[in-house]
Protein backbone atom coordinates (compact mmCIF):
# COMPACT_ATOMS: atom_id res chain seq x y z
CA UNK A 1 -43.88 20.80 19.94
CA UNK A 2 -43.97 21.24 16.17
CA UNK A 3 -42.70 18.36 14.03
CA UNK A 4 -41.13 18.92 10.60
CA UNK A 5 -43.42 18.33 7.65
CA UNK A 6 -42.71 15.72 5.01
CA UNK A 7 -42.12 18.42 2.43
CA UNK A 8 -39.51 20.13 4.62
CA UNK A 9 -37.68 16.83 5.18
CA UNK A 10 -37.61 16.18 1.42
CA UNK A 11 -36.30 19.71 0.82
CA UNK A 12 -33.44 19.21 3.28
CA UNK A 13 -32.48 15.84 1.79
CA UNK A 14 -32.56 17.28 -1.74
CA UNK A 15 -30.32 20.18 -0.70
CA UNK A 16 -27.87 17.74 0.97
CA UNK A 17 -27.71 15.53 -2.12
CA UNK A 18 -27.05 18.47 -4.42
CA UNK A 19 -24.35 19.76 -2.07
CA UNK A 20 -22.53 16.45 -1.89
CA UNK A 21 -22.76 15.96 -5.66
CA UNK A 22 -21.18 19.37 -6.21
CA UNK A 23 -18.42 18.49 -3.78
CA UNK A 24 -17.73 15.30 -5.65
CA UNK A 25 -18.90 13.06 -2.81
CA UNK A 26 -20.27 9.89 -4.33
CA UNK A 27 -20.61 6.30 -3.17
CA UNK A 28 -17.40 4.43 -3.97
CA UNK A 29 -19.28 1.59 -5.62
CA UNK A 30 -20.44 4.05 -8.29
CA UNK A 31 -16.86 4.92 -9.16
CA UNK A 32 -15.16 1.54 -8.94
CA UNK A 33 -14.81 -0.13 -12.34
CA UNK A 34 -16.27 -3.54 -13.08
CA UNK A 35 -14.02 -6.51 -12.38
CA UNK A 36 -12.26 -7.94 -9.39
CA UNK A 37 -12.73 -5.78 -6.34
CA UNK A 38 -13.60 -5.85 -2.65
CA UNK A 39 -15.20 -3.34 -0.31
CA UNK A 40 -12.47 -2.12 2.02
CA UNK A 41 -13.20 -0.17 5.21
CA UNK A 42 -10.29 2.27 5.04
CA UNK A 43 -9.12 3.76 8.34
CA UNK A 44 -5.65 4.87 7.28
CA UNK A 45 -4.19 7.46 4.95
CA UNK A 46 -3.23 4.65 2.59
CA UNK A 47 -6.14 4.04 0.23
CA UNK A 48 -5.40 0.36 -0.40
CA UNK A 49 -5.35 -0.80 3.22
CA UNK A 50 -7.44 -0.68 6.39
CA UNK A 51 -4.83 -0.74 9.14
CA UNK A 52 -1.06 -0.59 9.57
CA UNK A 53 0.89 -2.59 12.14
CA UNK A 54 4.65 -2.15 12.31
CA UNK A 55 6.58 -4.45 14.65
CA UNK A 56 9.77 -3.17 12.98
CA UNK A 57 10.83 0.48 12.99
CA UNK A 58 13.58 1.90 10.81
CA UNK A 59 15.11 1.09 7.45
CA UNK A 60 17.88 1.92 4.95
CA UNK A 61 17.59 3.70 1.63
CA UNK A 62 18.48 1.20 -1.06
CA UNK A 63 17.13 2.43 -4.42
CA UNK A 64 15.84 5.56 -6.22
CA UNK A 65 12.32 5.07 -4.87
CA UNK A 66 13.64 5.71 -1.34
CA UNK A 67 14.95 9.25 -1.88
CA UNK A 68 11.87 11.05 -0.55
CA UNK A 69 10.50 8.27 1.66
CA UNK A 70 7.56 9.41 3.79
CA UNK A 71 8.52 7.05 6.61
CA UNK A 72 11.75 8.92 7.35
CA UNK A 73 10.00 12.05 8.62
CA UNK A 74 7.45 10.00 10.55
CA UNK A 75 10.25 8.00 12.18
CA UNK A 76 12.14 11.20 13.08
CA UNK A 77 9.05 12.54 14.86
CA UNK A 78 8.57 9.30 16.76
CA UNK A 79 12.25 9.22 17.68
CA UNK A 80 12.02 12.78 19.05
CA UNK A 81 9.00 11.79 21.15
CA UNK A 82 10.72 8.71 22.50
CA UNK A 83 8.30 6.26 20.90
CA UNK A 84 9.25 2.62 21.35
CA UNK A 85 11.51 1.09 18.72
CA UNK A 86 12.60 4.32 17.06
CA UNK A 87 15.79 5.12 19.01
CA UNK A 88 18.71 5.63 16.62
CA UNK A 89 16.69 4.96 13.48
CA UNK A 90 17.12 8.44 11.93
CA UNK A 91 20.05 10.84 11.76
CA UNK A 92 20.38 14.02 9.67
CA UNK A 93 17.08 13.29 7.95
CA UNK A 94 18.06 9.80 6.78
CA UNK A 95 17.45 6.29 8.03
CA UNK A 96 20.55 4.90 9.74
CA UNK A 97 19.92 1.20 9.18
CA UNK A 98 19.07 0.64 12.82
CA UNK A 99 15.88 -1.41 13.08
CA UNK A 100 14.00 -1.55 16.36
CA UNK A 101 11.61 -4.42 17.06
CA UNK A 102 8.55 -3.95 19.27
CA UNK A 103 7.57 -7.48 20.21
CA UNK A 104 4.00 -6.84 21.32
CA UNK A 105 3.23 -5.38 17.90
CA UNK A 106 3.81 -8.87 16.50
CA UNK A 107 1.12 -10.22 18.82
CA UNK A 108 -1.39 -7.75 17.38
CA UNK A 109 -1.08 -9.46 14.00
CA UNK A 110 -2.51 -12.65 15.46
CA UNK A 111 -5.59 -10.93 16.89
CA UNK A 112 -6.64 -8.08 14.61
CA UNK A 113 -10.01 -8.45 12.92
CA UNK A 114 -10.26 -6.12 9.93
CA UNK A 115 -10.11 -6.20 6.13
CA UNK A 116 -6.51 -5.51 5.19
CA UNK A 117 -3.36 -4.86 7.23
CA UNK A 118 -0.22 -3.30 5.78
CA UNK A 119 2.61 -4.91 7.74
CA UNK A 120 5.70 -2.88 8.64
CA UNK A 121 4.79 0.36 6.92
CA UNK A 122 7.60 1.97 8.94
CA UNK A 123 10.27 -0.54 7.92
CA UNK A 124 10.88 -3.51 5.63
CA UNK A 125 10.06 -6.98 6.93
CA UNK A 126 13.02 -8.43 5.00
CA UNK A 127 15.59 -5.76 5.91
CA UNK A 128 18.95 -7.34 6.74
CA UNK A 129 18.70 -6.08 10.33
CA UNK A 130 15.40 -7.85 10.99
CA UNK A 131 16.48 -11.20 12.46
CA UNK A 132 15.30 -14.43 10.86
CA UNK A 133 13.45 -15.41 14.02
CA UNK A 134 11.57 -12.11 13.95
CA UNK A 135 10.53 -12.59 10.33
CA UNK A 136 9.26 -16.06 11.19
CA UNK A 137 7.43 -14.76 14.27
CA UNK A 138 5.68 -12.13 12.13
CA UNK A 139 4.53 -14.73 9.63
CA UNK A 140 3.54 -17.16 12.39
CA UNK A 141 1.34 -14.45 13.93
CA UNK A 142 -0.35 -13.71 10.61
CA UNK A 143 -0.90 -17.43 10.00
CA UNK A 144 -2.44 -17.82 13.46
CA UNK A 145 -4.98 -15.04 12.94
CA UNK A 146 -8.43 -16.73 13.05
CA UNK A 147 -10.29 -13.98 11.20
CA UNK A 148 -10.72 -13.13 7.52
CA UNK A 149 -8.03 -10.48 7.80
CA UNK A 150 -5.60 -10.30 4.89
CA UNK A 151 -2.05 -9.04 5.33
CA UNK A 152 -0.03 -6.97 2.85
CA UNK A 153 3.74 -7.39 3.04
CA UNK A 154 5.81 -5.10 0.83
CA UNK A 155 9.59 -5.25 0.44
CA UNK A 156 12.52 -3.94 -1.56
CA UNK A 157 14.57 -6.94 -0.39
CA UNK A 158 12.91 -9.35 -2.80
CA UNK A 159 15.65 -11.97 -2.80
CA UNK A 160 15.34 -12.51 0.95
CA UNK A 161 11.57 -12.82 0.66
CA UNK A 162 11.94 -15.38 -2.12
CA UNK A 163 14.41 -17.40 -0.06
CA UNK A 164 12.17 -17.26 3.01
CA UNK A 165 9.20 -18.57 1.02
CA UNK A 166 11.10 -21.68 -0.02
CA UNK A 167 11.15 -22.91 3.56
CA UNK A 168 7.93 -21.46 4.93
CA UNK A 169 4.34 -22.19 3.89
CA UNK A 170 2.99 -18.67 3.42
CA UNK A 171 -0.77 -18.73 4.03
CA UNK A 172 -3.11 -17.45 1.33
CA UNK A 173 -4.16 -14.55 3.56
CA UNK A 174 -0.67 -13.02 3.25
CA UNK A 175 -0.11 -10.99 0.08
CA UNK A 176 3.58 -10.71 -0.82
CA UNK A 177 4.69 -7.68 -2.81
CA UNK A 178 7.71 -5.71 -4.00
CA UNK A 179 8.27 -2.03 -4.76
CA UNK A 180 9.16 -1.18 -8.35
CA UNK A 181 9.02 2.50 -9.27
CA UNK A 182 11.75 2.64 -11.89
CA UNK A 183 13.32 0.41 -14.50
CA UNK A 184 16.42 -0.30 -12.42
CA UNK A 185 14.17 -2.05 -9.87
CA UNK A 186 12.43 -4.41 -12.30
CA UNK A 187 14.80 -7.16 -11.20
CA UNK A 188 12.73 -7.44 -8.02
CA UNK A 189 9.92 -8.91 -10.10
CA UNK A 190 12.20 -11.77 -11.14
CA UNK A 191 12.67 -12.53 -7.45
CA UNK A 192 8.95 -12.14 -6.81
CA UNK A 193 8.37 -14.81 -9.45
CA UNK A 194 10.17 -17.22 -7.10
CA UNK A 195 8.03 -16.36 -4.08
CA UNK A 196 5.61 -19.12 -3.11
CA UNK A 197 2.50 -17.13 -2.27
CA UNK A 198 -1.11 -17.13 -3.46
CA UNK A 199 -1.14 -13.36 -4.05
CA UNK A 200 1.93 -11.59 -5.40
CA UNK A 201 1.78 -7.91 -6.11
CA UNK A 202 3.77 -4.83 -7.05
CA UNK A 203 3.65 -1.29 -5.72
CA UNK A 204 4.80 1.14 -8.40
CA UNK A 205 5.01 3.98 -5.91
CA UNK A 206 6.58 6.33 -6.40
CA UNK A 207 6.28 5.76 -10.14
CA UNK A 208 9.30 7.62 -11.54
CA UNK A 209 9.31 6.60 -15.21
CA UNK A 210 7.49 4.37 -17.73
CA UNK A 211 7.47 0.68 -16.84
CA UNK A 212 6.72 -2.43 -18.88
CA UNK A 213 5.30 -5.05 -16.50
CA UNK A 214 4.12 -7.30 -19.35
CA UNK A 215 6.48 -10.25 -18.72
CA UNK A 216 5.32 -10.61 -15.11
CA UNK A 217 1.67 -9.99 -15.93
CA UNK A 218 1.69 -12.51 -18.76
CA UNK A 219 3.28 -15.35 -16.78
CA UNK A 220 1.00 -14.98 -13.75
CA UNK A 221 3.61 -13.57 -11.37
CA UNK A 222 1.47 -10.52 -10.59
CA UNK A 223 -1.98 -10.77 -9.01
CA UNK A 224 -2.32 -7.04 -8.31
CA UNK A 225 -0.72 -3.77 -9.43
CA UNK A 226 -0.76 -0.59 -7.34
CA UNK A 227 0.42 2.73 -8.81
CA UNK A 228 0.99 5.99 -6.97
CA UNK A 229 2.77 9.29 -7.33
CA UNK A 230 5.29 10.68 -4.89
CA UNK A 231 4.27 13.11 -2.16
CA UNK A 232 6.22 15.67 -0.20
CA UNK A 233 7.97 19.01 -0.68
CA UNK A 234 10.52 17.58 -3.13
CA UNK A 235 8.21 15.12 -4.87
CA UNK A 236 9.18 13.94 -8.33
CA UNK A 237 6.44 14.22 -10.98
CA UNK A 238 4.48 11.24 -12.28
CA UNK A 239 3.23 11.48 -15.88
CA UNK A 240 -0.39 10.43 -16.38
CA UNK A 241 0.66 8.69 -19.61
CA UNK A 242 2.85 6.28 -17.61
CA UNK A 243 -0.12 5.39 -15.41
CA UNK A 244 -2.48 4.90 -18.35
CA UNK A 245 0.04 2.61 -20.02
CA UNK A 246 0.29 0.38 -16.93
CA UNK A 247 -3.50 0.32 -16.66
CA UNK A 248 -3.67 -0.90 -20.27
CA UNK A 249 -1.12 -3.63 -19.53
CA UNK A 250 -3.20 -4.81 -16.58
CA UNK A 251 -6.42 -4.80 -18.59
CA UNK A 252 -4.87 -6.88 -21.36
CA UNK A 253 -3.89 -9.54 -18.83
CA UNK A 254 -6.91 -9.35 -16.52
CA UNK A 255 -4.95 -8.18 -13.47
CA UNK A 256 -6.59 -5.84 -10.90
CA UNK A 257 -5.26 -2.28 -10.94
CA UNK A 258 -5.27 0.29 -8.13
CA UNK A 259 -4.42 3.97 -8.67
CA UNK A 260 -3.63 5.40 -5.24
CA UNK A 261 -2.74 9.05 -5.91
CA UNK A 262 -1.18 11.55 -8.31
CA UNK A 263 2.14 13.17 -7.41
CA UNK A 264 2.12 16.37 -5.38
CA UNK A 265 3.28 17.97 -2.18
CA UNK A 266 0.03 16.81 -0.56
CA UNK A 267 -1.81 14.75 -3.19
CA UNK A 268 -5.09 14.66 -1.27
CA UNK A 269 -5.17 18.47 -1.22
CA UNK A 270 -3.16 19.54 -4.26
CA UNK A 271 -4.40 17.06 -6.86
CA UNK A 272 -7.58 15.29 -7.86
CA UNK A 273 -8.42 12.83 -5.08
CA UNK A 274 -9.35 10.10 -5.39
CA UNK A 275 -7.50 10.14 -8.71
CA UNK A 276 -9.30 9.19 -11.91
CA UNK A 277 -8.47 8.14 -15.44
CA UNK A 278 -11.09 9.37 -17.91
CA UNK A 279 -13.38 10.08 -14.97
CA UNK A 280 -13.02 6.58 -13.52
CA UNK A 281 -11.63 5.75 -10.08
CA UNK A 282 -9.51 2.59 -10.23
CA UNK A 283 -9.67 0.78 -6.91
CA UNK A 284 -9.50 -2.89 -7.84
CA UNK A 285 -8.28 -5.67 -5.55
CA UNK A 286 -7.39 -9.34 -5.98
CA UNK A 287 -10.38 -11.66 -5.69
């Protein structure tokens, strides 16, 4: 049996390195900017999380950000397949307001051992049709988790989240956020200011117009800002200048910034991915 020579091994490794460099494949640590960040083992299509768990299924469109919601098509597929919790959630391509609860999904929150979990990506934890006892059970399960897992809760029903936090001790491992993609939704940040949580964040996805987050960055309301463009056949464009302006706001106030994707029918295929600003990938996280 003939074994490869050292020179042939070096040649192969050199060829591989050149090939990956040309393809833009580089270690993430080389592209993440200095500052607050964490290494996240991503196993989902969402760049800022590791895992999604959705005890609730279904929602209601309630603001301009919802018009092209990705979850609607996913829910329609699950409904057609008979997946648990999805019955009646979608009709004529729109969410109906029916919210199905899959109880054993709540139990998973208490056991999962990973970096970050996006909770209820297929619904809204604080939707009016999610019962109070279910909301509490979800938070109890997250609080009971014995691992270093952190949970990301994102809502458009900010007032209900604020009210809930007044009577429930939200653990530091639960990050509470709101969606703000347009100026008419900035009021949610006033409600977020009332939320008693160690990490409060905003998802500006889809970002539909310029936003001034300065008041909520300056007063400490925001611990993290995520920005992303809309995807899908009828996606609305996101101007790079809007993104750069929000990045500048975050830098002035020392708040971690995460750029998820540019807008496009399929951003991972049709646009630069991961997205950069002046050649820099921005994947910062709260400390």
